[in-house]
C-alpha atoms as a PDB file:
ATOM      1  CA  MET A   1       0.000   0.000   0.000  1.00  0.00           C
ATOM      2  CA  LYS A   2       1.360   3.408  -0.996  1.00  0.00           C
ATOM      3  CA  PHE A   3       0.999   6.249   1.501  1.00  0.00           C
ATOM      4  CA  LYS A   4       0.662   9.852   0.338  1.00  0.00           C
ATOM      5  CA  ASN A   5       0.593  11.815   3.610  1.00  0.00           C
ATOM      6  CA  ILE A   6       3.173  10.514   6.069  1.00  0.00           C
ATOM      7  CA  HIS A   7       3.882  12.110   9.437  1.00  0.00           C
ATOM      8  CA  PHE A   8       7.113  11.283  11.294  1.00  0.00           C
ATOM      9  CA  ILE A   9       7.265  11.692  15.089  1.00  0.00           C
ATOM     10  CA  ILE A  10      10.968  11.847  15.941  1.00  0.00           C
ATOM     11  CA  ASN A  11      12.843  11.806  19.221  1.00  0.00           C
ATOM     12  CA  PRO A  12      16.100  13.571  18.241  1.00  0.00           C
ATOM     13  CA  ILE A  13      18.136  12.186  21.149  1.00  0.00           C
ATOM     14  CA  SER A  14      17.182   8.509  20.764  1.00  0.00           C
ATOM     15  CA  GLY A  15      20.018   6.152  19.961  1.00  0.00           C
ATOM     16  CA  LYS A  16      22.704   8.642  20.971  1.00  0.00           C
ATOM     17  CA  GLY A  17      21.409  11.214  18.525  1.00  0.00           C
ATOM     18  CA  LYS A  18      20.359   8.873  15.701  1.00  0.00           C
ATOM     19  CA  GLY A  19      17.095  10.792  15.539  1.00  0.00           C
ATOM     20  CA  LYS A  20      18.868  13.736  13.898  1.00  0.00           C
ATOM     21  CA  GLU A  21      20.369  11.427  11.275  1.00  0.00           C
ATOM     22  CA  VAL A  22      16.925   9.946  10.594  1.00  0.00           C
ATOM     23  CA  ILE A  23      15.604  13.432   9.764  1.00  0.00           C
ATOM     24  CA  ARG A  24      18.318  13.840   7.120  1.00  0.00           C
ATOM     25  CA  LYS A  25      17.564  10.400   5.661  1.00  0.00           C
ATOM     26  CA  ILE A  26      13.827  11.098   5.437  1.00  0.00           C
ATOM     27  CA  TYR A  27      14.442  14.225   3.377  1.00  0.00           C
ATOM     28  CA  SER A  28      16.859  12.392   1.099  1.00  0.00           C
ATOM     29  CA  LEU A  29      14.761   9.234   0.611  1.00  0.00           C
ATOM     30  CA  PHE A  30      11.165  10.413   0.286  1.00  0.00           C
ATOM     31  CA  PRO A  31      10.321  12.151  -3.017  1.00  0.00           C
ATOM     32  CA  LYS A  32       8.566  15.458  -2.410  1.00  0.00           C
ATOM     33  CA  GLU A  33       6.630  15.346  -5.676  1.00  0.00           C
ATOM     34  CA  ASN A  34       4.828  12.077  -4.825  1.00  0.00           C
ATOM     35  CA  ILE A  35       4.552  12.083  -1.033  1.00  0.00           C
ATOM     36  CA  LYS A  36       3.611  14.777   1.423  1.00  0.00           C
ATOM     37  CA  ILE A  37       5.726  14.419   4.552  1.00  0.00           C
ATOM     38  CA  LYS A  38       5.632  16.231   7.848  1.00  0.00           C
ATOM     39  CA  ILE A  39       8.287  15.897  10.547  1.00  0.00           C
ATOM     40  CA  LYS A  40       7.493  16.595  14.191  1.00  0.00           C
ATOM     41  CA  ILE A  41      10.365  16.650  16.684  1.00  0.00           C
ATOM     42  CA  THR A  42       9.743  15.896  20.349  1.00  0.00           C
ATOM     43  CA  GLN A  43      11.329  17.904  23.137  1.00  0.00           C
ATOM     44  CA  LYS A  44       9.722  16.399  26.224  1.00  0.00           C
ATOM     45  CA  LYS A  45       7.475  13.599  27.425  1.00  0.00           C
ATOM     46  CA  GLN A  46       3.905  13.711  26.122  1.00  0.00           C
ATOM     47  CA  ASP A  47       4.998  15.497  22.928  1.00  0.00           C
ATOM     48  CA  ALA A  48       4.846  12.299  20.870  1.00  0.00           C
ATOM     49  CA  PHE A  49       1.319  11.562  22.085  1.00  0.00           C
ATOM     50  CA  ASP A  50       0.113  15.120  21.427  1.00  0.00           C
ATOM     51  CA  PHE A  51       1.767  15.273  17.998  1.00  0.00           C
ATOM     52  CA  THR A  52       0.118  11.983  17.016  1.00  0.00           C
ATOM     53  CA  ILE A  53      -3.359  13.223  17.981  1.00  0.00           C
ATOM     54  CA  GLN A  54      -2.639  16.337  15.939  1.00  0.00           C
ATOM     55  CA  SER A  55      -1.518  14.255  12.954  1.00  0.00           C
ATOM     56  CA  VAL A  56      -4.715  12.196  13.039  1.00  0.00           C
ATOM     57  CA  HIS A  57      -6.698  15.445  12.835  1.00  0.00           C
ATOM     58  CA  GLU A  58      -4.466  16.545   9.943  1.00  0.00           C
ATOM     59  CA  ASN A  59      -5.535  13.448   7.978  1.00  0.00           C
ATOM     60  CA  ALA A  60      -2.176  11.688   7.953  1.00  0.00           C
ATOM     61  CA  ASP A  61      -2.565   8.265   6.334  1.00  0.00           C
ATOM     62  CA  LEU A  62       0.530   6.882   8.104  1.00  0.00           C
ATOM     63  CA  ILE A  63       2.236   7.922  11.346  1.00  0.00           C
ATOM     64  CA  VAL A  64       5.802   6.781  11.940  1.00  0.00           C
ATOM     65  CA  SER A  65       7.404   6.527  15.379  1.00  0.00           C
ATOM     66  CA  CYS A  66      11.140   7.258  15.130  1.00  0.00           C
ATOM     67  CA  GLY A  67      12.636   6.740  18.565  1.00  0.00           C
ATOM     68  CA  GLY A  68      12.890   4.265  21.394  1.00  0.00           C
ATOM     69  CA  ASP A  69      10.258   2.290  23.271  1.00  0.00           C
ATOM     70  CA  GLY A  70       9.093   5.365  25.197  1.00  0.00           C
ATOM     71  CA  THR A  71       8.373   7.344  22.012  1.00  0.00           C
ATOM     72  CA  LEU A  72       6.708   4.304  20.464  1.00  0.00           C
ATOM     73  CA  ASN A  73       4.441   3.842  23.488  1.00  0.00           C
ATOM     74  CA  GLU A  74       3.233   7.454  23.272  1.00  0.00           C
ATOM     75  CA  VAL A  75       2.571   7.329  19.525  1.00  0.00           C
ATOM     76  CA  ALA A  76       0.826   3.957  19.698  1.00  0.00           C
ATOM     77  CA  SER A  77      -1.277   5.043  22.704  1.00  0.00           C
ATOM     78  CA  ALA A  78      -2.695   7.890  20.620  1.00  0.00           C
ATOM     79  CA  LEU A  79      -3.601   5.473  17.802  1.00  0.00           C
ATOM     80  CA  ILE A  80      -5.671   2.998  19.828  1.00  0.00           C
ATOM     81  CA  ASN A  81      -8.871   2.234  17.878  1.00  0.00           C
ATOM     82  CA  GLN A  82      -7.895   4.685  15.116  1.00  0.00           C
ATOM     83  CA  GLU A  83      -7.876   3.762  11.430  1.00  0.00           C
ATOM     84  CA  VAL A  84      -4.501   5.448  10.820  1.00  0.00           C
ATOM     85  CA  PRO A  85      -1.749   2.800  10.922  1.00  0.00           C
ATOM     86  CA  LEU A  86       1.491   2.972  12.880  1.00  0.00           C
ATOM     87  CA  ALA A  87       4.933   2.376  11.383  1.00  0.00           C
ATOM     88  CA  ILE A  88       8.120   1.971  13.408  1.00  0.00           C
ATOM     89  CA  VAL A  89      11.655   3.148  12.764  1.00  0.00           C
ATOM     90  CA  PRO A  90      13.418   1.771  15.857  1.00  0.00           C
ATOM     91  CA  ILE A  91      16.391   3.827  17.007  1.00  0.00           C
ATOM     92  CA  GLY A  92      16.274   3.179  20.745  1.00  0.00           C
ATOM     93  CA  SER A  93      18.140   0.621  22.793  1.00  0.00           C
ATOM     94  CA  GLY A  94      15.623  -2.150  23.546  1.00  0.00           C
ATOM     95  CA  ASN A  95      13.162  -2.112  20.605  1.00  0.00           C
ATOM     96  CA  GLY A  96      11.146  -5.067  21.916  1.00  0.00           C
ATOM     97  CA  LEU A  97       7.979  -4.539  19.858  1.00  0.00           C
ATOM     98  CA  ALA A  98       9.935  -3.824  16.667  1.00  0.00           C
ATOM     99  CA  ARG A  99      11.842  -7.096  17.093  1.00  0.00           C
ATOM    100  CA  HIS A 100       8.602  -9.049  17.549  1.00  0.00           C
ATOM    101  CA  LEU A 101       7.147  -7.468  14.382  1.00  0.00           C
ATOM    102  CA  ASN A 102      10.343  -8.243  12.458  1.00  0.00           C
ATOM    103  CA  ILE A 103      10.976  -4.555  11.730  1.00  0.00           C
ATOM    104  CA  SER A 104      14.499  -3.821  10.516  1.00  0.00           C
ATOM    105  CA  LEU A 105      16.691  -2.362  13.277  1.00  0.00           C
ATOM    106  CA  ASN A 106      18.628  -0.477  10.615  1.00  0.00           C
ATOM    107  CA  GLU A 107      16.896   2.892  10.402  1.00  0.00           C
ATOM    108  CA  GLU A 108      17.640   3.432   6.708  1.00  0.00           C
ATOM    109  CA  GLN A 109      16.325  -0.018   5.795  1.00  0.00           C
ATOM    110  CA  ALA A 110      13.209   0.549   7.927  1.00  0.00           C
ATOM    111  CA  LEU A 111      12.573   3.814   6.064  1.00  0.00           C
ATOM    112  CA  GLN A 112      13.171   2.146   2.689  1.00  0.00           C
ATOM    113  CA  ASN A 113      10.683  -0.581   3.571  1.00  0.00           C
ATOM    114  CA  ILE A 114       8.038   2.058   4.342  1.00  0.00           C
ATOM    115  CA  LEU A 115       8.794   3.935   1.133  1.00  0.00           C
ATOM    116  CA  ASN A 116       8.699   0.767  -0.998  1.00  0.00           C
ATOM    117  CA  SER A 117       5.576  -0.653   0.672  1.00  0.00           C
ATOM    118  CA  LYS A 118       7.413  -3.710   2.008  1.00  0.00           C
ATOM    119  CA  TYR A 119       5.129  -3.944   5.034  1.00  0.00           C
ATOM    120  CA  ASN A 120       1.570  -5.207   5.516  1.00  0.00           C
ATOM    121  CA  ILE A 121      -1.010  -3.652   7.832  1.00  0.00           C
ATOM    122  CA  GLU A 122      -2.225  -5.911  10.618  1.00  0.00           C
ATOM    123  CA  LYS A 123      -4.313  -5.383  13.736  1.00  0.00           C
ATOM    124  CA  ILE A 124      -2.666  -6.239  17.046  1.00  0.00           C
ATOM    125  CA  ASP A 125      -3.822  -6.516  20.648  1.00  0.00           C
ATOM    126  CA  CYS A 126      -2.870  -3.885  23.212  1.00  0.00           C
ATOM    127  CA  GLY A 127      -2.734  -3.857  26.983  1.00  0.00           C
ATOM    128  CA  LYS A 128      -4.036  -1.331  29.475  1.00  0.00           C
ATOM    129  CA  ILE A 129      -3.009  -0.772  33.105  1.00  0.00           C
ATOM    130  CA  ASN A 130      -5.539   1.531  34.724  1.00  0.00           C
ATOM    131  CA  ASP A 131      -5.297   4.495  32.307  1.00  0.00           C
ATOM    132  CA  THR A 132      -1.932   3.621  30.731  1.00  0.00           C
ATOM    133  CA  TYR A 133      -1.487   1.538  27.581  1.00  0.00           C
ATOM    134  CA  PHE A 134       1.285  -0.935  26.846  1.00  0.00           C
ATOM    135  CA  PHE A 135       2.125  -2.925  23.739  1.00  0.00           C
ATOM    136  CA  SER A 136       5.043  -5.258  24.433  1.00  0.00           C
ATOM    137  CA  ASN A 137       5.195  -6.066  28.149  1.00  0.00           C
ATOM    138  CA  ALA A 138       4.866  -4.690  31.667  1.00  0.00           C
ATOM    139  CA  GLY A 139       6.351  -5.862  34.931  1.00  0.00           C
ATOM    140  CA  LEU A 140       6.447  -5.541  38.694  1.00  0.00           C
ATOM    141  CA  GLY A 141       9.334  -6.496  40.923  1.00  0.00           C
ATOM    142  CA  PHE A 142      12.845  -7.348  39.801  1.00  0.00           C
ATOM    143  CA  ASP A 143      12.543  -6.372  36.136  1.00  0.00           C
ATOM    144  CA  ALA A 144      11.003  -3.028  37.153  1.00  0.00           C
ATOM    145  CA  THR A 145      13.978  -2.428  39.457  1.00  0.00           C
ATOM    146  CA  VAL A 146      16.397  -3.158  36.608  1.00  0.00           C
ATOM    147  CA  VAL A 147      14.555  -0.672  34.386  1.00  0.00           C
ATOM    148  CA  LYS A 148      14.516   1.959  37.148  1.00  0.00           C
ATOM    149  CA  ILE A 149      18.300   1.723  37.622  1.00  0.00           C
ATOM    150  CA  TYR A 150      18.834   1.611  33.850  1.00  0.00           C
ATOM    151  CA  SER A 151      16.814   4.811  33.396  1.00  0.00           C
ATOM    152  CA  GLN A 152      19.340   6.623  35.610  1.00  0.00           C
ATOM    153  CA  GLN A 153      22.398   5.463  33.656  1.00  0.00           C
ATOM    154  CA  LYS A 154      24.229   7.272  30.871  1.00  0.00           C
ATOM    155  CA  GLN A 155      25.451   4.004  29.345  1.00  0.00           C
ATOM    156  CA  ARG A 156      22.288   2.891  27.504  1.00  0.00           C
ATOM    157  CA  GLN A 157      23.388  -0.057  25.389  1.00  0.00           C
ATOM    158  CA  PHE A 158      23.399  -3.778  26.246  1.00  0.00           C
ATOM    159  CA  VAL A 159      26.512  -3.610  28.435  1.00  0.00           C
ATOM    160  CA  GLY A 160      24.837  -0.899  30.507  1.00  0.00           C
ATOM    161  CA  TYR A 161      21.747  -3.072  30.849  1.00  0.00           C
ATOM    162  CA  LEU A 162      23.820  -6.024  32.106  1.00  0.00           C
ATOM    163  CA  LYS A 163      25.452  -3.780  34.720  1.00  0.00           C
ATOM    164  CA  CYS A 164      22.023  -2.668  35.947  1.00  0.00           C
ATOM    165  CA  LEU A 165      20.921  -6.296  36.101  1.00  0.00           C
ATOM    166  CA  PHE A 166      23.866  -7.051  38.371  1.00  0.00           C
ATOM    167  CA  PHE A 167      23.390  -3.966  40.581  1.00  0.00           C
ATOM    168  CA  SER A 168      19.682  -4.754  40.997  1.00  0.00           C
ATOM    169  CA  ILE A 169      20.537  -7.932  42.899  1.00  0.00           C
ATOM    170  CA  PHE A 170      21.871  -5.799  45.758  1.00  0.00           C
ATOM    171  CA  LYS A 171      19.002  -3.297  45.754  1.00  0.00           C
ATOM    172  CA  TYR A 172      15.926  -5.435  45.228  1.00  0.00           C
ATOM    173  CA  GLU A 173      13.577  -6.677  47.927  1.00  0.00           C
ATOM    174  CA  PRO A 174      10.610  -8.949  47.120  1.00  0.00           C
ATOM    175  CA  ILE A 175       7.257  -7.163  46.949  1.00  0.00           C
ATOM    176  CA  LYS A 176       3.854  -8.116  48.339  1.00  0.00           C
ATOM    177  CA  ILE A 177       1.206  -8.815  45.770  1.00  0.00           C
ATOM    178  CA  SER A 178      -2.305 -10.163  45.376  1.00  0.00           C
ATOM    179  CA  VAL A 179      -3.306 -11.377  41.899  1.00  0.00           C
ATOM    180  CA  ASN A 180      -6.819 -12.265  40.796  1.00  0.00           C
ATOM    181  CA  SER A 181      -7.566 -13.611  37.317  1.00  0.00           C
ATOM    182  CA  LYS A 182      -9.616 -16.272  35.569  1.00  0.00           C
ATOM    183  CA  SER A 183      -6.534 -18.514  35.531  1.00  0.00           C
ATOM    184  CA  ILE A 184      -4.961 -18.043  38.948  1.00  0.00           C
ATOM    185  CA  ASN A 185      -5.354 -16.366  42.313  1.00  0.00           C
ATOM    186  CA  TYR A 186      -2.203 -15.711  44.293  1.00  0.00           C
ATOM    187  CA  THR A 187      -1.275 -13.754  47.419  1.00  0.00           C
ATOM    188  CA  GLY A 188       2.243 -13.515  48.770  1.00  0.00           C
ATOM    189  CA  LYS A 189       5.694 -12.081  48.151  1.00  0.00           C
ATOM    190  CA  ILE A 190       7.200 -12.297  44.683  1.00  0.00           C
ATOM    191  CA  MET A 191      10.491 -11.743  42.926  1.00  0.00           C
ATOM    192  CA  MET A 192       8.732 -10.558  39.771  1.00  0.00           C
ATOM    193  CA  LEU A 193       5.527 -10.556  37.746  1.00  0.00           C
ATOM    194  CA  ASN A 194       5.815  -9.976  33.996  1.00  0.00           C
ATOM    195  CA  ILE A 195       2.822  -9.532  31.696  1.00  0.00           C
ATOM    196  CA  SER A 196       3.742 -10.156  28.054  1.00  0.00           C
ATOM    197  CA  ASN A 197       1.708  -9.089  25.058  1.00  0.00           C
ATOM    198  CA  SER A 198       4.572  -9.736  22.629  1.00  0.00           C
ATOM    199  CA  ASN A 199       7.209 -12.464  22.745  1.00  0.00           C
ATOM    200  CA  CYS A 200      10.154 -10.087  22.890  1.00  0.00           C
ATOM    201  CA  MET A 201      11.550  -7.763  25.536  1.00  0.00           C
ATOM    202  CA  GLY A 202      14.477  -5.412  24.979  1.00  0.00           C
ATOM    203  CA  TYR A 203      17.581  -6.632  23.144  1.00  0.00           C
ATOM    204  CA  GLY A 204      15.733  -9.706  21.854  1.00  0.00           C
ATOM    205  CA  PHE A 205      15.437 -11.330  25.296  1.00  0.00           C
ATOM    206  CA  SER A 206      12.251 -13.348  25.800  1.00  0.00           C
ATOM    207  CA  ILE A 207      10.595 -14.875  28.848  1.00  0.00           C
ATOM    208  CA  SER A 208       7.347 -15.634  26.978  1.00  0.00           C
ATOM    209  CA  PRO A 209       8.384 -17.030  23.579  1.00  0.00           C
ATOM    210  CA  LYS A 210       4.839 -18.205  22.790  1.00  0.00           C
ATOM    211  CA  ALA A 211       3.248 -14.801  23.410  1.00  0.00           C
ATOM    212  CA  SER A 212       1.302 -13.445  20.456  1.00  0.00           C
ATOM    213  CA  LEU A 213       0.049  -9.981  19.603  1.00  0.00           C
ATOM    214  CA  GLN A 214      -3.096 -11.463  18.096  1.00  0.00           C
ATOM    215  CA  ASP A 215      -4.288 -14.248  20.425  1.00  0.00           C
ATOM    216  CA  GLY A 216      -6.440 -12.176  22.798  1.00  0.00           C
ATOM    217  CA  GLU A 217      -4.469 -13.110  25.927  1.00  0.00           C
ATOM    218  CA  PHE A 218      -1.407 -12.079  27.910  1.00  0.00           C
ATOM    219  CA  ASP A 219       1.336 -14.578  28.705  1.00  0.00           C
ATOM    220  CA  ILE A 220       2.169 -14.076  32.377  1.00  0.00           C
ATOM    221  CA  ASN A 221       5.179 -15.170  34.406  1.00  0.00           C
ATOM    222  CA  LEU A 222       5.075 -14.957  38.201  1.00  0.00           C
ATOM    223  CA  VAL A 223       8.130 -15.890  40.269  1.00  0.00           C
ATOM    224  CA  GLU A 224       7.512 -16.390  43.974  1.00  0.00           C
ATOM    225  CA  LYS A 225       9.947 -15.182  46.632  1.00  0.00           C
ATOM    226  CA  CYS A 226      13.004 -17.421  46.627  1.00  0.00           C
ATOM    227  CA  SER A 227      16.763 -17.387  47.177  1.00  0.00           C
ATOM    228  CA  TRP A 228      19.006 -15.579  44.703  1.00  0.00           C
ATOM    229  CA  ALA A 229      20.491 -18.935  43.728  1.00  0.00           C
ATOM    230  CA  MET A 230      17.024 -20.222  42.857  1.00  0.00           C
ATOM    231  CA  PHE A 231      16.138 -16.980  41.069  1.00  0.00           C
ATOM    232  CA  SER A 232      19.300 -17.287  38.966  1.00  0.00           C
ATOM    233  CA  TRP A 233      18.307 -20.864  38.136  1.00  0.00           C
ATOM    234  CA  ILE A 234      14.881 -19.621  37.072  1.00  0.00           C
ATOM    235  CA  GLY A 235      16.610 -17.014  34.900  1.00  0.00           C
ATOM    236  CA  ILE A 236      18.412 -19.870  33.158  1.00  0.00           C
ATOM    237  CA  SER A 237      15.055 -21.585  32.678  1.00  0.00           C
ATOM    238  CA  PHE A 238      13.830 -18.493  30.824  1.00  0.00           C
ATOM    239  CA  LEU A 239      16.792 -18.734  28.451  1.00  0.00           C
ATOM    240  CA  LEU A 240      16.238 -22.466  27.914  1.00  0.00           C
ATOM    241  CA  ASN A 241      12.447 -22.077  27.616  1.00  0.00           C
ATOM    242  CA  LYS A 242      11.931 -24.706  30.307  1.00  0.00           C
ATOM    243  CA  LYS A 243      10.134 -24.683  33.637  1.00  0.00           C
ATOM    244  CA  LEU A 244      12.838 -25.730  36.082  1.00  0.00           C
ATOM    245  CA  SER A 245      11.246 -24.603  39.354  1.00  0.00           C
ATOM    246  CA  LYS A 246       7.854 -24.694  41.074  1.00  0.00           C
ATOM    247  CA  LYS A 247       8.538 -21.107  42.156  1.00  0.00           C
ATOM    248  CA  ARG A 248       7.826 -19.999  38.583  1.00  0.00           C
ATOM    249  CA  ARG A 249       4.159 -19.890  37.609  1.00  0.00           C
ATOM    250  CA  GLN A 250       3.062 -19.405  34.017  1.00  0.00           C
ATOM    251  CA  PHE A 251      -0.500 -18.682  32.938  1.00  0.00           C
ATOM    252  CA  ASN A 252      -2.614 -16.833  30.387  1.00  0.00           C
ATOM    253  CA  SER A 253      -5.327 -14.277  30.964  1.00  0.00           C
ATOM    254  CA  SER A 254      -6.935 -11.269  29.305  1.00  0.00           C
ATOM    255  CA  GLN A 255      -7.890  -9.630  32.627  1.00  0.00           C
ATOM    256  CA  LEU A 256      -5.984  -9.191  35.894  1.00  0.00           C
ATOM    257  CA  THR A 257      -6.602  -7.331  39.112  1.00  0.00           C
ATOM    258  CA  ILE A 258      -3.513  -6.700  41.210  1.00  0.00           C
ATOM    259  CA  GLU A 259      -3.035  -5.239  44.678  1.00  0.00           C
ATOM    260  CA  THR A 260       0.632  -4.504  45.357  1.00  0.00           C
ATOM    261  CA  SER A 261       3.070  -2.870  47.742  1.00  0.00           C
ATOM    262  CA  ALA A 262       5.263  -1.851  44.786  1.00  0.00           C
ATOM    263  CA  LYS A 263       5.921   1.858  44.292  1.00  0.00           C
ATOM    264  CA  TYR A 264       6.797   1.583  40.610  1.00  0.00           C
ATOM    265  CA  MET A 265       6.695  -0.749  37.617  1.00  0.00           C
ATOM    266  CA  GLN A 266       8.104  -0.971  34.107  1.00  0.00           C
ATOM    267  CA  ILE A 267       5.829  -0.451  31.122  1.00  0.00           C
ATOM    268  CA  ASP A 268       7.324  -1.229  27.707  1.00  0.00           C
ATOM    269  CA  GLY A 269      10.781  -0.888  29.211  1.00  0.00           C
ATOM    270  CA  GLU A 270      10.113   2.526  30.772  1.00  0.00           C
ATOM    271  CA  TYR A 271      10.080   3.356  34.485  1.00  0.00           C
ATOM    272  CA  HIS A 272       6.647   4.382  35.844  1.00  0.00           C
ATOM    273  CA  ILE A 273       5.761   5.522  39.365  1.00  0.00           C
ATOM    274  CA  LEU A 274       2.519   3.945  40.594  1.00  0.00           C
ATOM    275  CA  ASN A 275      -0.183   6.326  41.800  1.00  0.00           C
ATOM    276  CA  SER A 276      -2.405   3.489  42.949  1.00  0.00           C
ATOM    277  CA  LYS A 277      -1.830   0.208  44.776  1.00  0.00           C
ATOM    278  CA  ARG A 278      -4.658  -1.361  42.781  1.00  0.00           C
ATOM    279  CA  LEU A 279      -3.967  -2.182  39.147  1.00  0.00           C
ATOM    280  CA  GLN A 280      -6.686  -3.183  36.718  1.00  0.00           C
ATOM    281  CA  ILE A 281      -5.016  -4.798  33.717  1.00  0.00           C
ATOM    282  CA  SER A 282      -6.948  -5.629  30.582  1.00  0.00           C
ATOM    283  CA  LEU A 283      -6.286  -6.667  26.990  1.00  0.00           C
ATOM    284  CA  ILE A 284      -7.886  -4.684  24.162  1.00  0.00           C
ATOM    285  CA  PRO A 285      -8.097  -7.015  21.146  1.00  0.00           C
ATOM    286  CA  ASN A 286      -7.335  -5.905  17.577  1.00  0.00           C
ATOM    287  CA  SER A 287      -7.055  -2.284  18.663  1.00  0.00           C
ATOM    288  CA  LEU A 288      -3.974  -1.000  16.804  1.00  0.00           C
ATOM    289  CA  ASN A 289      -3.219  -0.974  13.079  1.00  0.00           C
ATOM    290  CA  VAL A 290       0.501  -1.472  12.573  1.00  0.00           C
ATOM    291  CA  LEU A 291       2.861  -2.096   9.663  1.00  0.00           C
ATOM    292  CA  VAL A 292       4.574  -5.484  10.011  1.00  0.00           C
ATOM    293  CA  ASN A 293       7.210  -7.236   7.915  1.00  0.00           C
END
């Protein structure tokens, strides 16, 4: 499908400044005589969301998120239940949703694929936590602590993430949680709870390889409080895609109600402070049109 009115929402500081290079490549790749383009550059949080709403009103027929997972979350949140499709040019560090959708991680190739209509439009499921949307995954506990520490670091690539993973072991304390769903009810202390809509987290790491963006359910991993030795063993089980401990519970659900002592969580790889101890989590089926490879 050829698009005639394309709006690009760009975070100029994503990928150590790759956003600025993407702007140059857009102007050089997209022919002005055939395609109307508009570039909107974010300066602060919420800009990407507001720009996307504006672009919908300006009759854009394609809106492209050029940034990391935070920019993508804002753009996609504004396109829930809209006809205008989303395209992704991933220039962040994690790029979990882009990896699941098989979007090229090379920004020039991703742009070329949009220009040459190499993608198809498909509808995908989205998640909602109270009033906040998510598209790849969300988590409470250990993974949220890793993301919190990572958000404070200057070193943003994979090595930086591994350092934060190591430092989190010394900072993390299990949280209290109560989970109610059609599949499981659980009350107690946990190491982590991860809710996956896609099968890919940042850097290609997966703890829910069977998760699908189109099956109408979340894939959920809950790890009960345990020793660090056991938790490390469970981490290995994630890598091997095997259940090696009874402390790890896996289930599927489209609705969850959670009461938690946690003060923050990670949503699509971004750190979020919780304003409520009660979380209502729901899946919204077929609610986002997105270009996939």
